[in-house]
Structure formats: structure tokens, C-alpha cells
Amino acid sequence: MEADYVIVGAGSAGCVVAARLSETGAKVVLLEAGPRDTLPWIHIPAGMLKLLYHPVVNWNYSAEGTSGSAGRRIHWPRGKTLGGSSSINGMLYVRGNPADFDGWAQMGCRGWSFDDVLPFFRKSEDYKQGGDPEIRGHSGPLKVEDYRTILPLTHRFVEAAQQAGHRFSKDLNGRIQEGVGYSQMTRKGRWRGSTAQTFLKEARSRRNLIVETDALASKLLFDGRRCTGVSFRQRGEIKTIRATREVILCGGAINSPHLLQISGIGPAAHLASIGVPVVHALSGVGANLQDHYVARVSHRVKGSISINKLARGLRLTREIVRFFLEGRGALTFGVTTAQVFCRSSPEKSSPDLQLLFTPASYDPDKFGALELEDGMTVAVCPVRPDSRGTIMARTADPTTAPIITPNYLSDPGDARVLLAGIRFTREIFKASAIARHSVVETLPGPDVQTDDGLIDYARGFGNTIYHPIGTCRMGQGPSAVVDERLRVHGITGLRVIDASIMPTLTTGNTNAPTIMIGEKGAAMIREDANQTGSD
């Protein structure tokens, strides 16, 4: 097998890269370890809870227990199907703050300031419900919508946040992110709008694009320091494919560094310890891991209905009928209906906290399960954590999951920001608009008031909201993995285009920035090909 471009991973970025490169007429082969995205739960927005542990379309990774999570191992779901994590996520569309990208540029990533990346955000999206036309896109493949159905509890939260001093933002993806506003989702009509159902679906009719599913990349192939292809396992067979131009890794923050390491690119001492011959020593592969860790504040609800009751019995039957007849109701919900972006202290130049409101509450003893009684929850998230972890191959076997060490709350500053967020959230819940619907705070609970008590609660009950990035960091210097054009340092014919290249976390959910990275990365490949006369 041979292609101009071989893309490993049909996830949030991989589908974008495949769609854009196939526009040129070049032969593109896209390898996906999982199956096609035919599972019905993928396409129903509220089906996310059914996918968190799914054995077929989820990698079901597990992070090591560290002191920041009180020694608990934490479940890390990642999508293993066409669309990757955009096929199993909460569908929130959050670009991040302009300061995030300006910060990347100041760190030496030329061409990645907000002004540089804005055209690619606009190119990817189709948002037709208003917004500044100089900021929002209206003709891209990715359908972005406001919530179709909003429960009264969400309106009361937005009102309460304003009473607590947070300005109202009509568009959290507009010029000013700071404030409280309603969430936006990646959706096609009533259905989920993954990158497989948007970018890839539009491109699948092109004969020069070949999509191989159930194809687990097992090793990158090299001729000296040039990457020439990929070896992969598909339905019991070992196959190889040669790339005449480039191999592009789009496996995400876990799988991209893992494949590099088991192929001989990474920290030399670690590769030697697992018996992998070193092709190119690159110490930053698998380092710089960052993730969003949250502590939840939950309340029992009175005088208003929450998702807890809508998800059961006769009400659920009505919501199912409403979904199929009207394309509205609880089954169209993602995971968070409103958000607050704020600063933990006045000295901060931009928001470092995201408060994510959901008109539901979850069983603390059963991950992803709703409580029986009505409830509401805010997930308190320090969005720019200073804690760093690692992703390291456990063995040379591509089927053995790597060691994920997130080191949550290992930097004391992250705990201070989290404390501020919990206190801000409690102030919002005290505001009259929402206080009249609260019976009692159930988590952390009214007895937990001291800083030490709240941090102990966060360590013992906190969780990830599934935003790992940074393990193939873009930049210069010994710890960087790719340059500003996403080419792997020291290797030709190989790029990484996914969330792993982010130097730092963005202010909010990471799916929209990852799609932007796919757009910008594909554009750079096309530019470079034009300069060499191969496009």
C-alpha cells in the first residue's frame, strides 16, 4: 500500500486533516484503530453517558493514582471510532481565550497568536445564530448551535451569576470570553456533529481518500531519520503502508506520544528500559501532560425539574418522543448548559477559572450515573493549571496501554485557584435567583468550609473533564517535540497534528481548539507542498 499522506487517527483533528488534504487530489489514507461510528448512542447527544465506559468505541484508559487525587486511579475515556473523542464527548464548543494563543506565540510558537489562528476557527465552523461576523464563521463544515431546549434551572443559574457580579456574555466564543453565558454545541440538527459526521462525511465521496478502520498503528517506519510509513494491525493481519510525502500523527495526547515512543522516538533512557531501539532521542515526548481537573459543587433541587427526573420513567418516554418528532428536549442536551469564565484574583490578566453548570446531579459512588432525586451541579475548573504529568509507554507492545501520570494539584497554585472557584460558586448559589431552588448543598456539603477541608474534598472526589494535552509540545528547545509547523524535531516526513502539540491548556474545553489545529496543520502541509512543487 502507498499514499501521498498517511494519517494515523481519525479523531477530532485527524478527520479535519484528511478532509482538507484530500481536497488537493493527493492520495490520502486515514487509519483508525476503532470501528466505524455506527453505534446509535454516538449520534444522540444525551447518549454520552452510555459511552463513558463503552468497550468498543472507547479506549477506557486509566490514570495512575497520585497525591492530588488521594491515590485514586481515575478513568480516562477517549474516543476509539471515527470522530475520536468528538464522537463521545459532551459536545461543548469553546474556543478558548485570545490570551491563550497570544501566550503560545510569546513562548516562541510563531504563527500561533490569536490573530493567526482566528481564520482557522472561522473556516471550520458554521454558526448561524448571531455573533460578530469578524469573529464567528458561517460556512464551515462544523455545525455549531445554541442549546435548543433550556431548562428553567439554567436560566436561574445565569441570572444568579449576574447577581453575584459576573457580567452577561451573549456569546462566550465572541470577542470577550469573561462572564456568564449559555453553552454552544457541535451538532447537526438534532444529532451529534462530530468531525466524522461533518468534515469526514463531506470528504468520503472522494476516490483519493481511503479510510481504514480497525487499523491499529503499531510502529512508524524509518529510512534513517526520515519517516517513510506505518505498520498497522488490522483484523489479525500485520500490514504496512508507505507515505511518499508525509506521515501525520493525529492520535491525541495519549496515543501520539505512545506511538512515537514504541517506534523509537522519545526519552532515550525510558526507551532503553522497555527494550525499544532509539531512532531519535527526544526527551519531551510524553512530557508536559496537562489536564483539567474539577471539583463539583452540587445542590438538591426543589420547585424545579432537573435532568435527573427527565431521564427516568414516563418523562423519559416523553423526551424520546419529543426528540424524534421535534428534535428538541432532554435528549439534545450535551453535558453543560451554562458557563462562567472568571478570574481567581484581580491580578490575573484573563480568566483562569471555568464554572460549568449542569441542571443535574451525579451519584458520587457511580461514575457517570445520575442521582435519583433532582439536583444541579457546577464543576469548578482551574483552566490554566501549572501541574504537569507524563505519558510513558509501559512496554514495546502497541496493545499495552501507556502509564498515565497526571499529577493533579501537584502545583500549589492550582489548589489556590480551585479554592477560589468553589467559593465563587457558593456565592452564586446564595444569590436569590437560584437559592430559592436549593434544598441543601450535597457536595462538598455545608460542613466543609475550611481551605484544608475543601482541598481534601477535591483530592478525594475530584475528577477529570477529559482535556489532556501537551505531550508532543510545540516550540523550540530540548523539551519541545514539534516546531511551529508541527514537524517533529530531528525527523523529516513526520508531523503531529492534534491536542498533544498545545504548549499550554486553553481556557475551556479543548475540542474546538483541536479542530482549529487540524485546520491550521493541514493548511501548513499544503503550503509546504506548494513550495516544493509536490501539490
Protein backbone atom coordinates (compact mmCIF):
# COMPACT_ATOMS: atom_id res chain seq x y z
CA MET A 1 0.00 0.00 0.00
CA GLU A 2 1.17 3.50 -0.76
CA ALA A 3 -0.22 7.01 -0.37
CA ASP A 4 0.97 10.58 -0.54
CA TYR A 5 -0.16 11.17 3.06
CA VAL A 6 -0.81 8.62 5.78
CA ILE A 7 -2.80 9.96 8.74
CA VAL A 8 -2.85 7.98 11.99
CA GLY A 9 -6.03 8.60 13.96
CA ALA A 10 -9.48 9.64 12.68
CA GLY A 11 -10.30 11.81 15.67
CA SER A 12 -11.14 15.47 16.16
CA ALA A 13 -8.06 16.63 14.25
CA GLY A 14 -7.48 13.61 12.03
CA CYS A 15 -10.82 13.87 10.24
CA VAL A 16 -10.14 17.55 9.56
CA VAL A 17 -6.66 16.88 8.18
CA ALA A 18 -7.93 14.05 5.97
CA ALA A 19 -10.74 16.19 4.59
CA ARG A 20 -8.51 19.17 3.82
CA LEU A 21 -5.60 17.23 2.31
CA SER A 22 -7.91 15.16 0.12
CA GLU A 23 -9.22 18.41 -1.41
CA THR A 24 -5.90 18.72 -3.26
CA GLY A 25 -6.28 15.46 -5.19
CA ALA A 26 -3.41 13.84 -3.27
CA LYS A 27 -3.91 10.23 -2.23
CA VAL A 28 -4.73 10.17 1.48
CA VAL A 29 -5.05 7.11 3.70
CA LEU A 30 -6.63 7.58 7.14
CA LEU A 31 -6.00 4.86 9.73
CA GLU A 32 -8.40 4.49 12.67
CA ALA A 33 -7.89 1.90 15.41
CA GLY A 34 -11.60 1.70 16.22
CA PRO A 35 -14.69 0.81 14.18
CA ARG A 36 -16.96 3.00 12.11
CA ASP A 37 -19.21 5.36 14.06
CA THR A 38 -22.38 3.30 13.59
CA LEU A 39 -23.26 2.87 17.28
CA PRO A 40 -26.60 4.70 17.76
CA TRP A 41 -25.62 6.21 21.13
CA ILE A 42 -22.86 8.16 19.39
CA HIS A 43 -25.34 10.24 17.44
CA ILE A 44 -27.81 11.08 20.22
CA PRO A 45 -26.34 13.98 22.21
CA ALA A 46 -27.52 12.70 25.59
CA GLY A 47 -26.01 9.29 24.74
CA MET A 48 -22.66 10.47 26.09
CA LEU A 49 -23.28 8.78 29.45
CA LYS A 50 -23.68 5.45 27.62
CA LEU A 51 -20.25 5.88 26.02
CA LEU A 52 -18.08 6.73 29.03
CA TYR A 53 -17.14 3.07 29.57
CA HIS A 54 -18.17 1.57 26.25
CA PRO A 55 -15.88 -1.40 25.46
CA VAL A 56 -15.90 -0.90 21.67
CA VAL A 57 -15.72 2.84 20.94
CA ASN A 58 -13.70 3.94 23.99
CA TRP A 59 -10.04 3.31 24.81
CA ASN A 60 -11.02 3.26 28.51
CA TYR A 61 -7.66 4.43 29.79
CA SER A 62 -6.90 4.75 33.49
CA ALA A 63 -4.63 7.33 35.09
CA GLU A 64 -2.31 6.42 37.93
CA GLY A 65 -3.31 7.40 41.44
CA THR A 66 -1.29 10.34 42.75
CA SER A 67 -1.48 12.51 45.85
CA GLY A 68 -3.60 15.10 44.02
CA SER A 69 -6.36 12.53 43.60
CA ALA A 70 -5.81 10.92 47.02
CA GLY A 71 -4.22 7.90 45.39
CA ARG A 72 -7.32 7.13 43.32
CA ARG A 73 -6.96 5.79 39.79
CA ILE A 74 -9.11 7.93 37.53
CA HIS A 75 -10.94 6.74 34.44
CA TRP A 76 -9.83 8.48 31.22
CA PRO A 77 -12.30 7.90 28.38
CA ARG A 78 -11.00 8.62 24.87
CA GLY A 79 -12.87 8.02 21.62
CA LYS A 80 -11.92 4.93 19.60
CA THR A 81 -14.04 5.30 16.49
CA LEU A 82 -14.39 7.63 13.53
CA GLY A 83 -14.53 11.10 15.04
CA GLY A 84 -12.46 10.03 18.05
CA SER A 85 -13.38 11.90 21.20
CA SER A 86 -15.66 14.23 19.22
CA SER A 87 -17.89 11.14 18.90
CA ILE A 88 -18.17 10.55 22.65
CA ASN A 89 -17.67 13.97 24.26
CA GLY A 90 -20.11 16.47 25.78
CA MET A 91 -20.23 18.44 22.51
CA LEU A 92 -19.30 21.81 24.04
CA TYR A 93 -17.85 24.30 21.60
CA VAL A 94 -15.41 26.56 23.46
CA ARG A 95 -12.63 28.25 21.52
CA GLY A 96 -10.64 29.46 24.50
CA ASN A 97 -9.36 32.92 25.33
CA PRO A 98 -7.37 35.08 22.89
CA ALA A 99 -4.70 35.34 25.59
CA ASP A 100 -4.14 31.56 25.33
CA PHE A 101 -2.90 31.77 21.76
CA ASP A 102 -1.04 35.03 22.23
CA GLY A 103 0.74 33.23 25.06
CA TRP A 104 1.76 30.43 22.68
CA ALA A 105 3.24 32.99 20.31
CA GLN A 106 5.13 34.66 23.17
CA MET A 107 6.57 31.25 24.07
CA GLY A 108 8.18 31.11 20.62
CA CYS A 109 5.42 29.43 18.59
CA ARG A 110 5.44 31.87 15.69
CA GLY A 111 2.22 31.98 13.70
CA TRP A 112 0.01 30.84 16.58
CA SER A 113 -1.23 34.13 18.06
CA PHE A 114 -4.98 34.68 18.27
CA ASP A 115 -4.92 36.77 15.09
CA ASP A 116 -3.09 33.90 13.37
CA VAL A 117 -5.49 31.15 14.47
CA LEU A 118 -8.77 33.09 14.20
CA PRO A 119 -9.13 32.49 10.43
CA PHE A 120 -8.98 28.74 11.06
CA PHE A 121 -11.62 28.86 13.79
CA ARG A 122 -13.82 30.79 11.39
CA LYS A 123 -13.05 28.46 8.47
CA SER A 124 -14.11 25.36 10.37
CA GLU A 125 -17.43 26.49 11.85
CA ASP A 126 -20.95 27.16 10.69
CA TYR A 127 -22.65 29.25 13.38
CA LYS A 128 -25.83 30.90 12.15
CA GLN A 129 -27.34 32.21 15.39
CA GLY A 130 -25.67 35.59 15.51
CA GLY A 131 -22.26 36.55 16.77
CA ASP A 132 -19.71 39.02 15.50
CA PRO A 133 -19.14 38.18 11.79
CA GLU A 134 -15.48 39.16 12.16
CA ILE A 135 -15.09 36.53 14.87
CA ARG A 136 -17.58 33.78 14.03
CA GLY A 137 -17.65 31.59 10.91
CA HIS A 138 -20.84 30.87 8.98
CA SER A 139 -19.94 28.47 6.16
CA GLY A 140 -17.63 25.76 7.52
CA PRO A 141 -18.37 22.04 7.86
CA LEU A 142 -18.68 22.11 11.67
CA LYS A 143 -22.23 22.96 12.73
CA VAL A 144 -22.27 24.98 15.96
CA GLU A 145 -25.61 25.72 17.66
CA ASP A 146 -27.03 27.22 20.81
CA TYR A 147 -28.96 24.84 23.05
CA ARG A 148 -32.38 24.10 21.56
CA THR A 149 -34.03 23.34 24.90
CA ILE A 150 -33.01 25.14 28.09
CA LEU A 151 -34.46 24.10 31.45
CA PRO A 152 -35.57 26.89 33.83
CA LEU A 153 -32.79 25.94 36.26
CA THR A 154 -30.21 27.03 33.69
CA HIS A 155 -31.89 30.41 33.26
CA ARG A 156 -31.92 30.82 37.04
CA PHE A 157 -28.20 30.00 37.24
CA VAL A 158 -27.33 32.58 34.58
CA GLU A 159 -29.43 35.15 36.45
CA ALA A 160 -27.83 34.22 39.77
CA ALA A 161 -24.31 34.53 38.36
CA GLN A 162 -25.13 38.07 37.28
CA GLN A 163 -26.48 38.82 40.75
CA ALA A 164 -23.14 37.57 42.10
CA GLY A 165 -21.26 40.07 39.94
CA HIS A 166 -20.48 38.25 36.69
CA ARG A 167 -21.34 40.15 33.53
CA PHE A 168 -23.62 38.50 30.95
CA SER A 169 -21.97 37.39 27.72
CA LYS A 170 -24.25 36.83 24.75
CA ASP A 171 -21.52 34.84 23.01
CA LEU A 172 -18.81 33.13 25.06
CA ASN A 173 -16.95 32.49 21.80
CA GLY A 174 -17.06 36.17 20.87
CA ARG A 175 -14.54 38.93 21.45
CA ILE A 176 -14.84 38.84 25.25
CA GLN A 177 -14.93 35.45 26.93
CA GLU A 178 -15.13 36.62 30.53
CA GLY A 179 -18.59 36.46 32.12
CA VAL A 180 -21.57 34.11 32.27
CA GLY A 181 -23.39 32.79 29.25
CA TYR A 182 -25.16 29.86 27.64
CA SER A 183 -23.26 26.94 26.14
CA GLN A 184 -22.90 26.19 22.44
CA MET A 185 -22.66 22.72 20.93
CA THR A 186 -21.27 20.94 17.88
CA ARG A 187 -24.43 19.43 16.44
CA LYS A 188 -26.07 18.59 13.09
CA GLY A 189 -29.74 19.24 13.62
CA ARG A 190 -30.83 17.03 16.49
CA TRP A 191 -27.77 14.79 16.12
CA ARG A 192 -24.17 14.98 17.34
CA GLY A 193 -21.88 16.91 15.00
CA SER A 194 -18.59 15.01 15.34
CA THR A 195 -15.74 15.66 12.91
CA ALA A 196 -16.59 12.29 11.34
CA GLN A 197 -20.14 13.43 10.61
CA THR A 198 -19.05 16.86 9.35
CA PHE A 199 -15.56 17.09 7.84
CA LEU A 200 -15.04 13.41 7.03
CA LYS A 201 -18.57 12.74 5.78
CA GLU A 202 -18.23 15.53 3.23
CA ALA A 203 -14.91 14.12 2.03
CA ARG A 204 -15.73 10.38 1.92
CA SER A 205 -17.00 10.55 -1.68
CA ARG A 206 -13.52 11.47 -2.94
CA ARG A 207 -11.80 8.48 -4.54
CA ASN A 208 -8.40 9.70 -3.42
CA LEU A 209 -9.38 9.34 0.28
CA ILE A 210 -9.23 5.85 1.78
CA VAL A 211 -10.41 5.27 5.34
CA GLU A 212 -9.21 2.10 7.07
CA THR A 213 -11.00 1.24 10.33
CA ASP A 214 -9.99 -1.38 12.91
CA ALA A 215 -6.41 -0.48 11.94
CA LEU A 216 -4.15 -0.13 15.00
CA ALA A 217 -0.89 1.64 14.16
CA SER A 218 1.86 -0.44 15.74
CA LYS A 219 5.07 1.20 14.54
CA LEU A 220 6.37 4.07 12.46
CA LEU A 221 8.82 3.07 9.72
CA PHE A 222 12.03 4.95 9.01
CA ASP A 223 14.80 5.24 6.47
CA GLY A 224 17.48 6.82 8.61
CA ARG A 225 15.90 9.98 10.07
CA ARG A 226 13.06 10.07 7.54
CA CYS A 227 9.67 8.61 8.39
CA THR A 228 8.58 6.53 5.41
CA GLY A 229 5.39 4.80 6.53
CA VAL A 230 3.38 2.97 9.14
CA SER A 231 2.96 -0.63 10.20
CA PHE A 232 -0.53 -1.47 11.46
CA ARG A 233 -2.64 -4.38 12.65
CA GLN A 234 -5.99 -4.93 11.00
CA ARG A 235 -8.25 -7.93 11.64
CA GLY A 236 -5.40 -10.20 12.64
CA GLU A 237 -3.01 -9.17 9.87
CA ILE A 238 0.15 -7.05 10.02
CA LYS A 239 0.15 -4.55 7.16
CA THR A 240 2.38 -1.69 6.10
CA ILE A 241 1.71 1.47 4.15
CA ARG A 242 4.29 3.78 2.63
CA ALA A 243 3.92 7.57 2.63
CA THR A 244 5.58 9.26 -0.33
CA ARG A 245 5.19 12.71 1.24
CA GLU A 246 4.38 12.65 4.97
CA VAL A 247 3.09 10.63 7.89
CA ILE A 248 0.82 12.67 10.16
CA LEU A 249 0.05 11.60 13.74
CA CYS A 250 -3.42 12.63 14.93
CA GLY A 251 -3.80 10.14 17.76
CA GLY A 252 -4.24 12.69 20.54
CA ALA A 253 -2.38 13.44 23.75
CA ILE A 254 -2.12 9.77 24.74
CA ASN A 255 -1.74 7.80 21.53
CA SER A 256 0.56 10.14 19.59
CA PRO A 257 3.40 10.16 22.16
CA HIS A 258 2.83 6.45 22.79
CA LEU A 259 3.29 5.57 19.12
CA LEU A 260 6.36 7.79 18.88
CA GLN A 261 7.92 6.09 21.90
CA ILE A 262 7.31 2.50 20.80
CA SER A 263 8.69 3.49 17.37
CA GLY A 264 11.96 4.73 18.87
CA ILE A 265 11.39 8.48 19.28
CA GLY A 266 11.38 9.71 22.87
CA PRO A 267 13.44 9.85 26.07
CA ALA A 268 16.40 7.57 25.37
CA ALA A 269 16.68 6.11 28.87
CA HIS A 270 13.00 5.23 29.00
CA LEU A 271 13.05 3.65 25.55
CA ALA A 272 16.01 1.53 26.58
CA SER A 273 14.19 0.45 29.75
CA ILE A 274 11.32 -1.03 27.70
CA GLY A 275 13.57 -2.54 25.04
CA VAL A 276 12.89 -0.12 22.19
CA PRO A 277 15.88 0.78 19.98
CA VAL A 278 16.39 4.55 19.82
CA VAL A 279 15.79 6.07 16.40
CA HIS A 280 15.94 9.64 17.67
CA ALA A 281 16.29 10.78 21.30
CA LEU A 282 13.67 13.42 22.04
CA SER A 283 13.19 13.99 25.76
CA GLY A 284 9.90 15.89 25.55
CA VAL A 285 7.86 13.06 24.04
CA GLY A 286 5.27 12.17 26.69
CA ALA A 287 6.20 15.05 29.00
CA ASN A 288 4.28 18.30 29.65
CA LEU A 289 0.96 16.47 30.19
CA GLN A 290 -1.80 18.84 31.32
CA ASP A 291 -5.46 18.19 32.01
CA HIS A 292 -8.47 19.93 33.51
CA TYR A 293 -9.25 18.61 36.99
CA VAL A 294 -12.53 19.66 38.61
CA ALA A 295 -14.27 19.60 41.96
CA ARG A 296 -18.07 19.59 41.86
CA VAL A 297 -20.46 21.65 43.95
CA SER A 298 -23.91 20.03 43.94
CA HIS A 299 -27.30 21.01 45.38
CA ARG A 300 -30.56 19.16 45.94
CA VAL A 301 -33.31 20.94 43.98
CA LYS A 302 -36.83 21.99 44.90
CA GLY A 303 -39.52 23.73 42.88
CA SER A 304 -37.95 22.97 39.50
CA ILE A 305 -37.17 19.91 37.43
CA SER A 306 -33.71 18.67 36.52
CA ILE A 307 -32.32 16.09 34.11
CA ASN A 308 -32.38 13.54 36.94
CA LYS A 309 -36.15 13.21 36.67
CA LEU A 310 -36.32 13.66 32.89
CA ALA A 311 -34.04 10.65 32.47
CA ARG A 312 -36.48 8.20 34.08
CA GLY A 313 -39.88 6.62 33.67
CA LEU A 314 -42.72 8.24 31.78
CA ARG A 315 -40.87 11.55 31.49
CA LEU A 316 -38.05 9.81 29.63
CA THR A 317 -40.55 8.22 27.25
CA ARG A 318 -41.98 11.67 26.52
CA GLU A 319 -38.48 13.07 25.94
CA ILE A 320 -37.69 10.27 23.48
CA VAL A 321 -40.87 11.00 21.52
CA ARG A 322 -40.08 14.73 21.60
CA PHE A 323 -36.57 14.09 20.31
CA PHE A 324 -37.69 12.11 17.28
CA LEU A 325 -40.74 14.26 16.47
CA GLU A 326 -39.37 17.75 17.21
CA GLY A 327 -35.61 17.41 17.54
CA ARG A 328 -35.81 19.05 20.97
CA GLY A 329 -35.86 18.12 24.64
CA ALA A 330 -33.53 16.38 27.08
CA LEU A 331 -32.01 14.01 24.52
CA THR A 332 -30.50 17.00 22.69
CA PHE A 333 -28.57 18.04 25.82
CA GLY A 334 -24.81 17.85 25.98
CA VAL A 335 -23.08 17.99 29.33
CA THR A 336 -23.08 21.66 30.37
CA THR A 337 -25.78 24.23 29.67
CA ALA A 338 -24.18 27.43 31.01
CA GLN A 339 -20.70 28.58 31.98
CA VAL A 340 -18.90 31.29 33.89
CA PHE A 341 -15.38 32.39 32.98
CA CYS A 342 -13.78 34.43 35.75
CA ARG A 343 -10.50 35.29 37.44
CA SER A 344 -9.40 33.74 40.70
CA SER A 345 -7.93 37.10 41.73
CA PRO A 346 -7.95 40.65 40.34
CA GLU A 347 -4.26 40.37 39.50
CA LYS A 348 -4.97 37.86 36.73
CA SER A 349 -4.99 39.39 33.25
CA SER A 350 -7.56 36.91 31.87
CA PRO A 351 -9.90 34.22 33.25
CA ASP A 352 -8.25 31.25 34.93
CA LEU A 353 -11.50 29.63 36.11
CA GLN A 354 -14.38 27.97 34.30
CA LEU A 355 -17.54 27.17 36.25
CA LEU A 356 -19.62 24.64 34.29
CA PHE A 357 -23.30 24.41 35.23
CA THR A 358 -25.44 21.34 34.61
CA PRO A 359 -29.11 21.04 35.67
CA ALA A 360 -28.39 17.56 37.05
CA SER A 361 -26.51 15.87 39.87
CA TYR A 362 -24.45 12.70 39.79
CA ASP A 363 -24.13 9.68 42.03
CA PRO A 364 -20.81 10.13 43.89
CA ASP A 365 -20.44 6.35 44.16
CA LYS A 366 -21.07 5.51 40.49
CA PHE A 367 -19.16 7.40 37.83
CA GLY A 368 -21.43 8.99 35.21
CA ALA A 369 -24.70 7.88 36.84
CA LEU A 370 -27.40 10.38 37.78
CA GLU A 371 -28.84 10.56 41.28
CA LEU A 372 -32.48 9.61 41.75
CA GLU A 373 -33.55 12.99 43.16
CA ASP A 374 -33.47 16.32 41.34
CA GLY A 375 -30.19 18.15 41.59
CA MET A 376 -27.89 20.72 39.98
CA THR A 377 -24.12 20.87 39.75
CA VAL A 378 -21.25 23.22 39.00
CA ALA A 379 -17.92 21.71 38.02
CA VAL A 380 -15.19 24.08 39.23
CA CYS A 381 -12.26 24.00 36.83
CA PRO A 382 -8.88 25.79 37.06
CA VAL A 383 -8.40 26.19 33.32
CA ARG A 384 -4.71 27.06 33.21
CA PRO A 385 -3.12 24.58 35.64
CA ASP A 386 0.60 24.63 36.39
CA SER A 387 0.72 20.94 37.35
CA ARG A 388 2.45 18.69 34.80
CA GLY A 389 2.40 14.95 34.24
CA THR A 390 3.61 12.33 31.78
CA ILE A 391 2.50 9.67 29.32
CA MET A 392 5.03 6.83 29.11
CA ALA A 393 4.92 3.56 27.19
CA ARG A 394 4.72 0.64 29.59
CA THR A 395 6.17 -1.87 27.12
CA ALA A 396 7.08 -2.03 23.44
CA ASP A 397 3.74 -3.73 22.73
CA PRO A 398 1.34 -1.35 20.94
CA THR A 399 -1.66 -3.05 22.54
CA THR A 400 -0.45 -2.33 26.10
CA ALA A 401 -1.84 0.95 27.46
CA PRO A 402 0.78 3.52 28.46
CA ILE A 403 1.33 4.77 32.01
CA ILE A 404 -0.66 7.97 32.54
CA THR A 405 0.60 10.07 35.46
CA PRO A 406 -1.38 13.33 35.58
CA ASN A 407 -0.02 14.74 38.89
CA TYR A 408 -3.19 16.70 39.55
CA LEU A 409 -2.85 19.58 42.06
CA SER A 410 0.88 18.95 42.39
CA ASP A 411 1.47 22.68 41.94
CA PRO A 412 0.15 24.60 44.98
CA GLY A 413 -1.15 27.39 42.77
CA ASP A 414 -3.74 25.06 41.21
CA ALA A 415 -5.22 24.34 44.63
CA ARG A 416 -5.49 28.07 45.37
CA VAL A 417 -7.36 28.68 42.11
CA LEU A 418 -9.66 25.74 42.79
CA LEU A 419 -10.48 27.09 46.26
CA ALA A 420 -11.37 30.47 44.77
CA GLY A 421 -13.64 28.77 42.26
CA ILE A 422 -15.51 26.82 44.93
CA ARG A 423 -16.10 29.98 46.92
CA PHE A 424 -17.29 31.88 43.82
CA THR A 425 -19.68 29.03 43.07
CA ARG A 426 -21.08 29.11 46.58
CA GLU A 427 -21.69 32.84 46.21
CA ILE A 428 -23.65 32.19 43.01
CA PHE A 429 -25.77 29.54 44.74
CA LYS A 430 -26.52 32.05 47.52
CA ALA A 431 -27.96 34.52 45.00
CA SER A 432 -31.74 34.77 45.17
CA ALA A 433 -32.43 33.63 41.60
CA ILE A 434 -31.08 30.13 42.29
CA ALA A 435 -31.16 29.95 46.11
CA ARG A 436 -34.93 29.52 46.13
CA HIS A 437 -34.49 26.24 44.24
CA SER A 438 -31.90 24.80 46.62
CA VAL A 439 -32.74 22.44 49.46
CA VAL A 440 -29.15 21.92 50.59
CA GLU A 441 -25.62 21.72 49.25
CA THR A 442 -24.92 17.98 48.94
CA LEU A 443 -21.28 18.27 47.76
CA PRO A 444 -18.93 19.20 49.32
CA GLY A 445 -21.65 19.82 51.94
CA PRO A 446 -22.30 22.68 54.37
CA ASP A 447 -19.93 21.23 56.98
CA VAL A 448 -16.93 21.53 54.66
CA GLN A 449 -15.80 25.16 55.00
CA THR A 450 -12.06 25.37 55.71
CA ASP A 451 -9.43 25.54 52.97
CA ASP A 452 -7.93 22.24 54.13
CA GLY A 453 -11.32 20.58 54.18
CA LEU A 454 -12.18 21.78 50.68
CA ILE A 455 -8.85 20.67 49.24
CA ASP A 456 -9.20 17.27 50.91
CA TYR A 457 -12.63 17.03 49.28
CA ALA A 458 -11.18 17.99 45.88
CA ARG A 459 -8.47 15.34 46.19
CA GLY A 460 -10.88 12.66 47.33
CA PHE A 461 -13.78 13.35 44.95
CA GLY A 462 -12.38 15.45 42.09
CA ASN A 463 -12.25 14.19 38.54
CA THR A 464 -11.01 14.95 35.07
CA ILE A 465 -13.22 16.54 32.44
CA TYR A 466 -11.18 14.82 29.73
CA HIS A 467 -8.94 17.53 28.27
CA PRO A 468 -5.41 16.02 28.11
CA ILE A 469 -2.93 17.99 26.02
CA GLY A 470 0.73 18.92 25.67
CA THR A 471 2.62 15.61 25.38
CA CYS A 472 4.17 16.49 21.99
CA ARG A 473 4.69 20.13 22.83
CA MET A 474 5.16 22.68 20.08
CA GLY A 475 8.11 25.02 20.43
CA GLN A 476 11.88 25.20 20.48
CA GLY A 477 14.46 23.86 22.90
CA PRO A 478 15.29 20.40 24.24
CA SER A 479 11.83 19.66 25.66
CA ALA A 480 9.86 20.58 22.53
CA VAL A 481 8.70 17.79 20.21
CA VAL A 482 7.42 19.67 17.15
CA ASP A 483 8.27 23.04 15.63
CA GLU A 484 5.77 25.78 14.85
CA ARG A 485 4.85 23.98 11.61
CA LEU A 486 4.19 20.82 13.64
CA ARG A 487 7.15 18.90 12.17
CA VAL A 488 8.83 16.51 14.60
CA HIS A 489 12.25 17.90 15.55
CA GLY A 490 15.08 15.92 14.02
CA ILE A 491 12.86 13.79 11.76
CA THR A 492 11.69 14.52 8.23
CA GLY A 493 8.38 13.39 6.76
CA LEU A 494 6.62 13.31 10.13
CA ARG A 495 4.24 15.75 11.82
CA VAL A 496 1.94 15.68 14.82
CA ILE A 497 -1.39 17.49 14.43
CA ASP A 498 -3.63 17.11 17.47
CA ALA A 499 -4.11 18.35 21.04
CA SER A 500 -0.74 16.93 22.10
CA ILE A 501 1.06 19.85 20.42
CA MET A 502 -0.54 22.51 22.64
CA PRO A 503 2.16 24.12 24.81
CA THR A 504 -0.42 25.02 27.47
CA LEU A 505 -4.09 24.34 28.08
CA THR A 506 -6.65 26.67 26.61
CA THR A 507 -9.23 28.46 28.75
CA GLY A 508 -12.07 25.97 28.45
CA ASN A 509 -12.91 22.76 26.63
CA THR A 510 -10.33 21.59 24.11
CA ASN A 511 -12.31 20.12 21.21
CA ALA A 512 -12.73 23.40 19.28
CA PRO A 513 -9.01 24.31 19.58
CA THR A 514 -8.09 20.79 18.46
CA ILE A 515 -10.24 21.18 15.35
CA MET A 516 -8.56 24.52 14.72
CA ILE A 517 -5.17 22.80 14.99
CA GLY A 518 -6.33 20.30 12.38
CA GLU A 519 -7.33 23.14 10.04
CA LYS A 520 -4.10 25.09 10.52
CA GLY A 521 -1.92 21.99 10.36
CA ALA A 522 -3.47 20.85 7.07
CA ALA A 523 -3.05 24.35 5.63
CA MET A 524 0.65 24.34 6.54
CA ILE A 525 1.16 20.96 4.88
CA ARG A 526 -0.47 22.27 1.71
CA GLU A 527 1.64 25.44 1.81
CA ASP A 528 4.85 23.44 2.24
CA ALA A 529 3.87 21.09 -0.58
CA ASN A 530 3.22 24.03 -2.89
CA GLN A 531 6.65 25.44 -2.13
CA THR A 532 8.30 22.13 -3.08
CA GLY A 533 6.09 21.69 -6.14
CA SER A 534 4.54 18.44 -4.91
CA ASP A 535 0.96 19.68 -4.54
